[in-house]
């Protein structure tokens, strides 16, 4: 039989399509530079219906000019876009779906837009792919969600298209690389076009279009906490954490979540921590944004190194003046990297400690609550025990509860929460709201933030549950019940069991740690106001206007 003819396959379809699109925009470009007034026209020829499009919207830095411009394109020309956005932070991110420009969404976090996104999913305007951790979404950009177009932000560009991302590099290199080496189009908004860059963070060969935006990209001070708002309950819980977790396990490398609970810990290190003789024994290496509340600990010699997910508004001069602590370039500005810092938080640290809104009887927790699809960002990366870890540290080894020839240590995953949230809602629940939210959103799995089997410690104002020591689910539930206060779970708990639980090391009450509630005073905080933080920094910290009370 004759051999059937085989039509030769083109192996350059993505690259060829990219060149066709760029050629269609050529008349508006001077080299790689596009006038801001032509951005909507350009987007309408550089993006095609059905494309996978990454829009840089992370915790702090937003490609705000490009997101606003994308929302202005004609839905007759561009529709059915599959948006890949790590953080849904701006209204136009969701306007894209209401206007019919986009239809499918994969994301990681949606704090500011969590109510609206839940409603759009319920209304059928958003087809949800998945709620990812940051690393998971970044990883998929190189596997099955390879983008056709990426829209990102940088501080400066030169006329050739080299980029300077400055203190807020964040996820920009990861996003760009996913497109630049797969036939995708890279469009960058910059605050300024200059002749010479302070340093080259991303080479021009990775970039296709540069547009000087009409105003600087949006930048949020997401990690700033005013010490004035830290309560005595939070100070008390911070004391429990330092004594019952940090000191007990000699935690050297760690990540702090966002919140007043962990800010209180940072501000107690130079005072309460110092009184315990813990300097040099705990908290020396961090995967953390440049928290202003960490300044006193840095200045008093507690902190050796900090690698950052992103920058923080107002901390630029302070970071530049402390290159032995922070990762900075020759120009003095921070080199943050959200992907690398997420990897560090997953594999390189001994402990994650953060807060949650709900926790069930099995210690599953989530910030996704009824009518609010917040997502969870990097918390599941930070707050999970990486089975691939192979290096040993004292804190990691300290969680070994049995001996065998192949025994391994364990990462500390600590959840802090007050037994009742604002409005008198119990933080301990029979069933996470996330389960029902997942059903309403037709998600194949419930959006649990941190699974209970990863959680090693839970801290409330009642004490600490050492869940890693539990030999059964029943013991885990008893330990949680013992620190659940007057919540339904706490009221059901048989308090006559507490002496045995204390003896077995499953719980520690404040008196077991020699901590009195009356000791938790605001006078213990190394800084009691934003002004105090400025003083600690020697005037280098310059807080955003909204945090100035003078």
Protein backbone atom coordinates (compact mmCIF):
# COMPACT_ATOMS: atom_id res chain seq x y z
CA UNK A 1 0.00 0.00 0.00
CA UNK A 2 1.22 3.50 -0.76
CA UNK A 3 2.52 5.48 2.20
CA UNK A 4 0.14 8.31 3.09
CA UNK A 5 1.53 11.76 2.65
CA UNK A 6 2.09 13.65 5.90
CA UNK A 7 1.68 17.41 5.90
CA UNK A 8 4.82 18.94 7.40
CA UNK A 9 4.14 20.49 10.80
CA UNK A 10 5.15 24.04 11.60
CA UNK A 11 7.20 24.15 14.80
CA UNK A 12 7.12 27.95 15.10
CA UNK A 13 3.40 28.75 15.18
CA UNK A 14 3.48 30.68 18.47
CA UNK A 15 6.54 32.68 17.43
CA UNK A 16 5.11 33.39 13.96
CA UNK A 17 1.82 34.55 15.46
CA UNK A 18 3.72 36.84 17.84
CA UNK A 19 5.58 38.47 14.93
CA UNK A 20 2.31 38.93 12.99
CA UNK A 21 0.75 40.74 15.94
CA UNK A 22 3.79 42.92 16.59
CA UNK A 23 3.92 43.84 12.89
CA UNK A 24 0.29 45.02 13.14
CA UNK A 25 1.34 47.46 15.88
CA UNK A 26 4.59 48.52 14.20
CA UNK A 27 3.37 51.89 12.96
CA UNK A 28 2.76 53.06 16.55
CA UNK A 29 6.10 51.89 17.89
CA UNK A 30 9.40 53.72 18.02
CA UNK A 31 11.73 50.84 18.61
CA UNK A 32 9.93 49.15 21.50
CA UNK A 33 8.39 52.35 22.88
CA UNK A 34 4.65 52.96 22.48
CA UNK A 35 2.93 56.31 23.13
CA UNK A 36 0.50 56.06 26.05
CA UNK A 37 -2.33 57.40 23.88
CA UNK A 38 -2.06 54.36 21.59
CA UNK A 39 -2.23 51.69 24.27
CA UNK A 40 -5.86 50.63 23.68
CA UNK A 41 -5.29 50.46 19.91
CA UNK A 42 -2.19 48.37 20.48
CA UNK A 43 -3.88 45.99 22.90
CA UNK A 44 -6.61 45.36 20.34
CA UNK A 45 -4.08 44.03 17.82
CA UNK A 46 -1.62 42.41 20.24
CA UNK A 47 -4.25 40.40 22.11
CA UNK A 48 -6.67 37.98 20.43
CA UNK A 49 -9.93 36.48 21.68
CA UNK A 50 -9.39 33.33 23.71
CA UNK A 51 -5.81 34.27 24.71
CA UNK A 52 -4.32 33.42 28.07
CA UNK A 53 -3.34 36.81 29.49
CA UNK A 54 -1.31 37.46 32.63
CA UNK A 55 -2.08 40.78 34.29
CA UNK A 56 0.39 41.71 36.99
CA UNK A 57 -1.61 42.32 40.10
CA UNK A 58 0.27 41.14 43.13
CA UNK A 59 -0.07 42.04 46.80
CA UNK A 60 1.47 45.48 46.41
CA UNK A 61 2.44 46.38 42.84
CA UNK A 62 -0.29 46.73 40.24
CA UNK A 63 0.06 47.20 36.47
CA UNK A 64 -2.74 49.70 36.94
CA UNK A 65 -2.37 51.64 33.68
CA UNK A 66 -2.43 48.43 31.64
CA UNK A 67 -5.36 46.96 33.57
CA UNK A 68 -7.38 50.15 33.08
CA UNK A 69 -6.48 50.14 29.39
CA UNK A 70 -7.41 46.49 28.90
CA UNK A 71 -10.83 47.23 30.37
CA UNK A 72 -11.34 49.82 27.59
CA UNK A 73 -10.89 47.47 24.62
CA UNK A 74 -13.92 46.52 22.55
CA UNK A 75 -15.51 43.25 23.64
CA UNK A 76 -16.53 42.79 19.99
CA UNK A 77 -12.86 42.61 19.08
CA UNK A 78 -11.48 40.88 22.18
CA UNK A 79 -13.44 38.43 24.29
CA UNK A 80 -13.25 35.05 26.04
CA UNK A 81 -9.88 35.94 27.56
CA UNK A 82 -8.51 33.53 30.14
CA UNK A 83 -7.07 35.83 32.82
CA UNK A 84 -4.19 34.69 35.04
CA UNK A 85 -3.89 37.15 37.93
CA UNK A 86 -2.10 36.32 41.16
CA UNK A 87 -3.96 38.99 43.15
CA UNK A 88 -7.37 40.37 42.17
CA UNK A 89 -6.86 43.81 43.70
CA UNK A 90 -8.45 46.43 41.43
CA UNK A 91 -12.06 46.94 40.25
CA UNK A 92 -11.15 46.71 36.55
CA UNK A 93 -9.76 43.23 37.11
CA UNK A 94 -13.37 42.13 37.47
CA UNK A 95 -14.80 44.75 35.10
CA UNK A 96 -13.18 42.64 32.37
CA UNK A 97 -15.71 39.89 33.12
CA UNK A 98 -18.74 42.15 33.47
CA UNK A 99 -17.90 43.73 30.09
CA UNK A 100 -17.53 40.36 28.35
CA UNK A 101 -13.82 40.84 27.60
CA UNK A 102 -12.78 37.91 29.79
CA UNK A 103 -14.60 34.75 30.79
CA UNK A 104 -12.23 32.46 32.72
CA UNK A 105 -10.05 33.21 35.74
CA UNK A 106 -7.20 31.55 37.60
CA UNK A 107 -5.94 33.46 40.64
CA UNK A 108 -4.34 33.23 44.09
CA UNK A 109 -5.70 36.04 46.24
CA UNK A 110 -8.62 38.49 46.03
CA UNK A 111 -8.73 40.30 49.35
CA UNK A 112 -10.03 43.72 48.20
CA UNK A 113 -12.38 42.16 45.64
CA UNK A 114 -13.37 39.02 47.58
CA UNK A 115 -17.07 39.89 47.93
CA UNK A 116 -17.48 40.94 44.32
CA UNK A 117 -15.72 37.91 42.86
CA UNK A 118 -17.97 35.60 44.88
CA UNK A 119 -21.01 37.38 43.43
CA UNK A 120 -19.71 37.25 39.85
CA UNK A 121 -19.09 33.52 40.12
CA UNK A 122 -22.60 33.04 41.53
CA UNK A 123 -23.98 35.13 38.63
CA UNK A 124 -22.15 32.94 36.10
CA UNK A 125 -19.97 35.77 34.75
CA UNK A 126 -16.71 34.18 35.89
CA UNK A 127 -15.67 30.63 35.08
CA UNK A 128 -13.21 29.78 37.82
CA UNK A 129 -10.26 27.59 36.93
CA UNK A 130 -8.72 27.28 40.40
CA UNK A 131 -7.67 29.22 43.46
CA UNK A 132 -3.91 28.67 43.60
CA UNK A 133 -1.05 29.30 45.91
CA UNK A 134 1.39 31.77 44.37
CA UNK A 135 3.99 29.11 43.57
CA UNK A 136 1.36 26.87 42.08
CA UNK A 137 0.13 29.57 39.71
CA UNK A 138 3.66 30.61 38.74
CA UNK A 139 4.54 26.99 38.10
CA UNK A 140 1.54 26.48 35.82
CA UNK A 141 2.62 29.45 33.69
CA UNK A 142 5.46 27.18 32.56
CA UNK A 143 3.36 24.04 32.18
CA UNK A 144 -0.27 24.17 31.09
CA UNK A 145 -1.17 27.88 31.47
CA UNK A 146 1.57 29.33 29.25
CA UNK A 147 0.48 32.90 28.45
CA UNK A 148 0.04 34.46 25.02
CA UNK A 149 0.43 37.98 26.44
CA UNK A 150 1.67 39.38 29.74
CA UNK A 151 1.02 42.88 31.08
CA UNK A 152 3.46 43.96 33.79
CA UNK A 153 4.89 47.02 35.53
CA UNK A 154 8.42 48.32 36.15
CA UNK A 155 9.93 51.47 37.58
CA UNK A 156 12.07 52.51 34.62
CA UNK A 157 13.11 51.47 31.13
CA UNK A 158 15.76 52.71 28.76
CA UNK A 159 15.08 53.29 25.06
CA UNK A 160 16.22 49.77 24.19
CA UNK A 161 13.67 48.20 26.54
CA UNK A 162 15.91 47.13 29.43
CA UNK A 163 13.96 47.29 32.69
CA UNK A 164 14.71 48.45 36.23
CA UNK A 165 12.14 47.09 38.66
CA UNK A 166 13.60 48.69 41.79
CA UNK A 167 12.49 47.60 45.27
CA UNK A 168 9.28 46.08 43.95
CA UNK A 169 10.55 43.45 41.54
CA UNK A 170 8.10 40.94 43.07
CA UNK A 171 6.71 38.55 40.43
CA UNK A 172 7.69 40.54 37.34
CA UNK A 173 10.66 38.37 36.19
CA UNK A 174 8.68 35.16 36.57
CA UNK A 175 5.72 36.44 34.58
CA UNK A 176 7.89 37.88 31.81
CA UNK A 177 10.03 34.74 31.48
CA UNK A 178 6.93 32.56 31.01
CA UNK A 179 6.03 34.56 27.89
CA UNK A 180 9.42 35.70 26.58
CA UNK A 181 10.67 32.16 26.05
CA UNK A 182 7.46 30.64 24.71
CA UNK A 183 6.49 32.93 21.85
CA UNK A 184 4.41 35.21 24.05
CA UNK A 185 4.21 39.01 23.95
CA UNK A 186 5.59 41.07 26.84
CA UNK A 187 4.05 44.51 27.37
CA UNK A 188 5.44 46.67 30.18
CA UNK A 189 4.20 49.89 31.68
CA UNK A 190 6.94 52.01 33.26
CA UNK A 191 6.91 55.10 35.40
CA UNK A 192 9.79 56.66 33.50
CA UNK A 193 11.88 56.33 30.33
CA UNK A 194 15.54 57.16 31.01
CA UNK A 195 18.88 57.12 29.21
CA UNK A 196 20.68 55.07 31.87
CA UNK A 197 19.23 52.63 34.41
CA UNK A 198 20.47 52.21 38.01
CA UNK A 199 20.74 48.50 37.22
CA UNK A 200 19.26 46.14 34.62
CA UNK A 201 16.78 43.78 36.27
CA UNK A 202 15.27 42.40 33.06
CA UNK A 203 17.07 42.55 29.69
CA UNK A 204 15.52 44.19 26.65
CA UNK A 205 15.59 40.91 24.72
CA UNK A 206 12.77 39.67 26.99
CA UNK A 207 10.58 42.72 26.31
CA UNK A 208 8.45 43.57 23.27
CA UNK A 209 6.56 46.78 24.10
CA UNK A 210 7.27 49.53 26.64
CA UNK A 211 4.81 52.31 27.41
CA UNK A 212 5.40 55.18 29.80
CA UNK A 213 2.20 55.28 31.84
CA UNK A 214 0.26 58.47 32.44
CA UNK A 215 0.82 58.04 36.18
CA UNK A 216 2.96 55.71 38.33
CA UNK A 217 1.74 52.19 38.92
CA UNK A 218 -0.36 51.58 42.01
CA UNK A 219 1.70 50.57 45.04
CA UNK A 220 0.13 49.60 48.36
CA UNK A 221 1.66 49.66 51.85
CA UNK A 222 0.23 46.25 52.58
CA UNK A 223 2.54 45.14 55.38
CA UNK A 224 2.54 48.26 57.54
CA UNK A 225 0.88 47.89 60.95
CA UNK A 226 0.53 50.85 63.31
CA UNK A 227 1.67 49.74 66.78
CA UNK A 228 -1.06 51.95 68.27
CA UNK A 229 -3.61 49.39 67.14
CA UNK A 230 -1.97 46.38 68.81
CA UNK A 231 -4.16 45.22 71.70
CA UNK A 232 -3.14 43.76 75.04
CA UNK A 233 -4.76 40.46 74.03
CA UNK A 234 -2.47 40.35 70.98
CA UNK A 235 0.52 41.19 73.19
CA UNK A 236 -0.47 38.37 75.54
CA UNK A 237 -0.73 35.88 72.66
CA UNK A 238 2.62 37.10 71.33
CA UNK A 239 4.19 36.36 74.70
CA UNK A 240 2.71 32.85 74.59
CA UNK A 241 4.15 32.37 71.10
CA UNK A 242 7.64 33.55 72.03
CA UNK A 243 7.81 31.43 75.18
CA UNK A 244 5.84 28.39 74.13
CA UNK A 245 6.95 28.04 70.49
CA UNK A 246 9.94 30.20 69.55
CA UNK A 247 11.95 29.50 72.70
CA UNK A 248 10.75 25.93 73.14
CA UNK A 249 11.82 24.89 69.64
CA UNK A 250 14.71 27.36 69.16
CA UNK A 251 13.24 28.69 65.90
CA UNK A 252 15.90 30.50 63.88
CA UNK A 253 14.41 30.79 60.37
CA UNK A 254 10.81 31.79 59.86
CA UNK A 255 8.04 33.58 58.01
CA UNK A 256 5.47 35.85 59.65
CA UNK A 257 2.04 36.29 58.15
CA UNK A 258 0.39 39.70 57.87
CA UNK A 259 -1.37 40.87 61.01
CA UNK A 260 -1.22 42.54 64.38
CA UNK A 261 -0.52 39.25 66.17
CA UNK A 262 2.80 38.76 64.40
CA UNK A 263 3.59 42.51 64.53
CA UNK A 264 3.27 42.24 68.30
CA UNK A 265 5.82 39.40 68.29
CA UNK A 266 8.26 41.48 66.25
CA UNK A 267 7.93 44.39 68.69
CA UNK A 268 8.38 42.16 71.74
CA UNK A 269 11.69 40.64 70.62
CA UNK A 270 13.85 43.57 71.84
CA UNK A 271 11.97 43.72 75.18
CA UNK A 272 10.32 40.52 76.33
CA UNK A 273 12.58 38.34 74.16
CA UNK A 274 15.62 40.17 75.53
CA UNK A 275 14.47 39.53 79.11
CA UNK A 276 14.39 35.80 78.34
CA UNK A 277 17.95 35.87 76.99
CA UNK A 278 16.85 34.71 73.53
CA UNK A 279 18.87 37.03 71.29
CA UNK A 280 20.98 34.91 68.96
CA UNK A 281 18.90 31.83 69.77
CA UNK A 282 15.73 32.63 67.80
CA UNK A 283 14.50 34.73 64.85
CA UNK A 284 17.74 35.41 63.00
CA UNK A 285 16.76 34.55 59.39
CA UNK A 286 13.52 35.65 57.75
CA UNK A 287 11.46 35.25 54.58
CA UNK A 288 9.47 38.44 55.00
CA UNK A 289 8.53 41.74 53.44
CA UNK A 290 10.33 44.70 55.02
CA UNK A 291 7.89 45.08 57.91
CA UNK A 292 8.31 48.45 59.65
CA UNK A 293 7.56 46.68 62.96
CA UNK A 294 10.72 44.60 62.45
CA UNK A 295 12.91 47.74 62.61
CA UNK A 296 13.50 47.64 66.40
CA UNK A 297 14.54 43.96 66.23
CA UNK A 298 16.93 44.73 63.37
CA UNK A 299 18.39 47.76 65.13
CA UNK A 300 18.89 45.85 68.38
CA UNK A 301 20.79 43.04 66.69
CA UNK A 302 18.23 40.24 66.51
CA UNK A 303 18.06 39.89 62.73
CA UNK A 304 20.84 38.58 60.47
CA UNK A 305 19.13 38.32 57.06
CA UNK A 306 15.76 39.11 55.48
CA UNK A 307 14.73 38.05 51.98
CA UNK A 308 11.62 39.82 50.71
CA UNK A 309 8.62 38.88 48.58
CA UNK A 310 8.19 42.54 47.69
CA UNK A 311 8.99 46.01 48.96
CA UNK A 312 7.05 48.20 51.36
CA UNK A 313 6.21 51.84 50.76
CA UNK A 314 8.38 54.08 52.92
CA UNK A 315 11.02 51.47 53.74
CA UNK A 316 13.22 52.17 50.70
CA UNK A 317 15.85 54.36 52.41
CA UNK A 318 16.00 52.14 55.47
CA UNK A 319 16.52 48.99 53.40
CA UNK A 320 19.19 50.68 51.28
CA UNK A 321 21.06 51.63 54.46
CA UNK A 322 21.07 48.07 55.79
CA UNK A 323 22.61 45.95 52.97
CA UNK A 324 24.00 43.40 55.43
CA UNK A 325 20.41 42.54 56.36
CA UNK A 326 18.46 42.94 53.10
CA UNK A 327 19.22 41.71 49.58
CA UNK A 328 20.02 44.89 47.64
CA UNK A 329 21.65 45.85 44.37
CA UNK A 330 24.70 48.10 43.80
CA UNK A 331 22.33 51.08 43.68
CA UNK A 332 21.14 50.25 47.20
CA UNK A 333 17.57 49.34 46.25
CA UNK A 334 15.93 46.13 47.38
CA UNK A 335 15.86 43.15 45.04
CA UNK A 336 12.65 41.43 46.02
CA UNK A 337 11.42 38.30 44.27
CA UNK A 338 8.06 36.81 45.11
CA UNK A 339 8.74 33.41 43.55
CA UNK A 340 12.15 32.90 45.16
CA UNK A 341 10.88 34.08 48.53
CA UNK A 342 7.92 31.70 48.27
CA UNK A 343 10.39 28.87 47.64
CA UNK A 344 12.40 30.05 50.65
CA UNK A 345 9.23 30.10 52.73
CA UNK A 346 8.34 26.61 51.60
CA UNK A 347 11.72 24.90 51.96
CA UNK A 348 14.18 27.28 53.59
CA UNK A 349 12.47 28.23 56.87
CA UNK A 350 11.66 26.23 59.97
CA UNK A 351 8.39 27.93 60.83
CA UNK A 352 5.38 29.72 59.44
CA UNK A 353 3.16 31.59 61.88
CA UNK A 354 0.05 33.41 60.80
CA UNK A 355 -3.57 34.16 61.57
CA UNK A 356 -6.80 32.78 60.21
CA UNK A 357 -10.51 33.61 60.34
CA UNK A 358 -11.91 30.12 60.91
CA UNK A 359 -10.60 26.80 62.13
CA UNK A 360 -12.52 23.55 62.46
CA UNK A 361 -12.25 20.71 64.95
CA UNK A 362 -9.55 19.03 62.86
CA UNK A 363 -7.49 22.26 62.59
CA UNK A 364 -8.33 22.87 58.92
CA UNK A 365 -8.42 26.64 58.41
CA UNK A 366 -9.36 29.16 55.76
CA UNK A 367 -9.77 32.87 55.12
CA UNK A 368 -12.53 32.03 52.63
CA UNK A 369 -15.77 32.67 54.50
CA UNK A 370 -19.47 32.97 53.57
CA UNK A 371 -19.88 35.23 50.54
CA UNK A 372 -16.20 36.13 50.53
CA UNK A 373 -13.80 34.37 48.13
CA UNK A 374 -10.55 35.86 49.37
CA UNK A 375 -8.18 33.14 48.22
CA UNK A 376 -5.02 32.56 50.19
CA UNK A 377 -1.93 33.72 48.27
CA UNK A 378 1.22 32.15 49.64
CA UNK A 379 -0.09 30.90 52.99
CA UNK A 380 -0.44 27.29 51.81
CA UNK A 381 3.20 27.37 50.61
CA UNK A 382 4.40 28.86 53.88
CA UNK A 383 1.99 26.80 55.96
CA UNK A 384 2.72 23.29 54.77
CA UNK A 385 5.29 20.66 55.62
CA UNK A 386 7.42 20.14 52.47
CA UNK A 387 7.96 16.43 52.11
CA UNK A 388 10.91 17.06 49.83
CA UNK A 389 12.97 18.81 52.50
CA UNK A 390 16.28 17.09 53.27
CA UNK A 391 18.30 19.57 55.40
CA UNK A 392 18.07 19.30 59.18
CA UNK A 393 17.94 22.11 61.75
CA UNK A 394 17.35 21.99 65.52
CA UNK A 395 13.79 23.34 65.26
CA UNK A 396 12.88 20.91 62.46
CA UNK A 397 14.34 17.97 64.35
CA UNK A 398 12.61 19.04 67.57
CA UNK A 399 9.23 18.01 66.18
CA UNK A 400 10.25 14.35 65.88
CA UNK A 401 7.88 12.36 68.09
CA UNK A 402 9.13 8.83 67.45
CA UNK A 403 12.33 7.09 66.43
CA UNK A 404 12.99 4.97 63.35
CA UNK A 405 15.90 4.53 60.91
CA UNK A 406 14.15 6.80 58.40
CA UNK A 407 12.61 9.36 60.74
CA UNK A 408 12.35 12.94 59.45
CA UNK A 409 11.74 16.27 61.13
CA UNK A 410 8.83 18.58 60.52
CA UNK A 411 8.19 22.21 59.72
CA UNK A 412 6.40 24.22 62.40
CA UNK A 413 3.06 25.50 61.09
CA UNK A 414 1.47 27.77 63.69
CA UNK A 415 -1.98 29.32 63.59
CA UNK A 416 -2.87 32.23 65.88
CA UNK A 417 -6.44 33.31 66.45
CA UNK A 418 -8.60 34.84 69.11
CA UNK A 419 -11.45 32.54 70.07
CA UNK A 420 -14.03 35.09 68.93
CA UNK A 421 -13.70 37.32 65.87
CA UNK A 422 -15.20 40.77 65.39
CA UNK A 423 -18.96 40.72 65.74
CA UNK A 424 -18.82 37.91 68.28
CA UNK A 425 -18.39 35.17 65.68
CA UNK A 426 -16.74 32.01 66.97
CA UNK A 427 -13.40 31.32 65.28
CA UNK A 428 -13.84 27.60 66.00
CA UNK A 429 -16.51 26.07 63.77
CA UNK A 430 -17.94 22.63 63.08
CA UNK A 431 -17.59 23.14 59.33
CA UNK A 432 -15.56 25.76 57.46
CA UNK A 433 -17.58 28.24 55.40
CA UNK A 434 -15.08 27.39 52.66
CA UNK A 435 -16.82 24.07 52.10
CA UNK A 436 -20.15 25.68 51.24
CA UNK A 437 -18.43 28.45 49.24
CA UNK A 438 -16.69 25.76 47.21
CA UNK A 439 -20.01 24.08 46.45
CA UNK A 440 -21.63 27.37 45.41
CA UNK A 441 -18.67 28.14 43.14
CA UNK A 442 -18.72 24.63 41.63
CA UNK A 443 -15.15 24.07 42.76
CA UNK A 444 -13.99 20.45 42.64
CA UNK A 445 -12.33 20.86 46.07
CA UNK A 446 -13.11 23.15 48.99
CA UNK A 447 -10.84 26.24 49.22
CA UNK A 448 -9.09 25.23 52.45
CA UNK A 449 -6.13 27.52 53.18
CA UNK A 450 -4.08 25.28 55.49
CA UNK A 451 -4.99 21.63 56.04
CA UNK A 452 -5.18 20.44 59.61
CA UNK A 453 -2.65 17.66 59.18
CA UNK A 454 -0.01 20.33 58.40
CA UNK A 455 -0.80 22.43 61.50
CA UNK A 456 1.57 21.73 64.38
CA UNK A 457 0.55 24.44 66.87
CA UNK A 458 -2.55 26.55 67.53
CA UNK A 459 -2.36 29.59 69.81
CA UNK A 460 -5.33 31.40 71.32
CA UNK A 461 -5.61 33.73 74.29
CA UNK A 462 -6.35 30.58 76.34
CA UNK A 463 -3.08 28.79 75.60
CA UNK A 464 -1.21 26.64 73.08
CA UNK A 465 -2.23 23.30 71.54
CA UNK A 466 0.78 21.21 70.48
CA UNK A 467 -1.03 19.25 67.80
CA UNK A 468 2.12 17.59 66.48
CA UNK A 469 2.24 15.53 69.68
CA UNK A 470 -1.26 14.10 69.30
CA UNK A 471 -1.41 10.36 68.68
CA UNK A 472 -4.93 10.39 67.26
CA UNK A 473 -7.61 12.67 65.84
CA UNK A 474 -9.39 12.45 69.17
CA UNK A 475 -6.34 13.83 70.98
CA UNK A 476 -6.02 16.65 68.43
CA UNK A 477 -9.64 17.63 69.01
CA UNK A 478 -9.20 17.49 72.77
CA UNK A 479 -6.13 19.74 72.57
CA UNK A 480 -8.00 22.25 70.42
CA UNK A 481 -11.03 22.13 72.72
CA UNK A 482 -8.82 22.91 75.71
CA UNK A 483 -7.79 26.28 74.21
CA UNK A 484 -11.09 27.13 72.48
CA UNK A 485 -12.43 29.20 75.38
CA UNK A 486 -16.18 29.78 75.47
CA UNK A 487 -16.77 28.83 71.85
CA UNK A 488 -19.07 25.84 71.25
CA UNK A 489 -15.99 23.62 70.87
CA UNK A 490 -14.57 24.95 74.13
CA UNK A 491 -17.82 24.48 76.04
CA UNK A 492 -18.06 20.87 74.88
CA UNK A 493 -14.54 20.12 76.10
CA UNK A 494 -14.17 18.14 79.32
CA UNK A 495 -11.89 20.39 81.37
CA UNK A 496 -11.11 17.55 83.75
CA UNK A 497 -8.84 16.24 80.98
CA UNK A 498 -6.65 19.36 81.00
CA UNK A 499 -4.22 18.15 83.68
CA UNK A 500 -3.47 15.04 81.65
CA UNK A 501 -3.17 17.06 78.42
CA UNK A 502 -0.73 19.42 80.16
CA UNK A 503 1.27 16.54 81.57
CA UNK A 504 1.51 14.89 78.17
CA UNK A 505 2.64 18.16 76.61
CA UNK A 506 -0.40 18.43 74.33
CA UNK A 507 -1.34 21.84 75.71
CA UNK A 508 0.34 24.63 77.63
CA UNK A 509 -1.68 27.15 79.59
CA UNK A 510 -0.27 30.60 80.39
CA UNK A 511 0.72 29.57 83.92
CA UNK A 512 2.71 26.66 82.48
CA UNK A 513 4.81 29.22 80.62
CA UNK A 514 5.10 31.56 83.62
CA UNK A 515 3.06 34.23 81.86
CA UNK A 516 0.43 36.29 83.64
CA UNK A 517 -2.29 38.15 81.78
CA UNK A 518 -1.46 41.26 83.76
CA UNK A 519 2.07 41.16 82.29
CA UNK A 520 0.71 41.85 78.79
CA UNK A 521 0.98 45.62 78.69
CA UNK A 522 1.57 48.01 75.82
CA UNK A 523 4.62 49.27 77.66
CA UNK A 524 6.32 46.02 76.57
CA UNK A 525 6.25 47.04 72.90
CA UNK A 526 9.60 48.28 71.64
CA UNK A 527 7.68 50.86 69.56
CA UNK A 528 4.22 52.07 70.46
CA UNK A 529 3.56 54.23 67.41
CA UNK A 530 4.66 54.92 63.86
CA UNK A 531 6.67 57.86 65.22
CA UNK A 532 8.60 55.45 67.44
CA UNK A 533 9.42 53.30 64.40
CA UNK A 534 10.80 56.37 62.61
CA UNK A 535 12.97 57.12 65.64
CA UNK A 536 14.25 53.53 65.75
CA UNK A 537 15.19 53.84 62.06
CA UNK A 538 17.18 57.01 62.62
CA UNK A 539 14.72 58.88 60.41
CA UNK A 540 15.21 56.55 57.44
CA UNK A 541 11.68 55.12 57.55
CA UNK A 542 9.21 57.42 55.78
CA UNK A 543 5.66 56.08 56.28
CA UNK A 544 2.85 56.76 53.80
CA UNK A 545 0.65 59.75 54.56
CA UNK A 546 -2.24 57.66 55.86
CA UNK A 547 -0.06 56.36 58.69
CA UNK A 548 1.07 59.81 59.80
CA UNK A 549 -0.80 61.12 62.85
CA UNK A 550 1.25 64.28 63.30
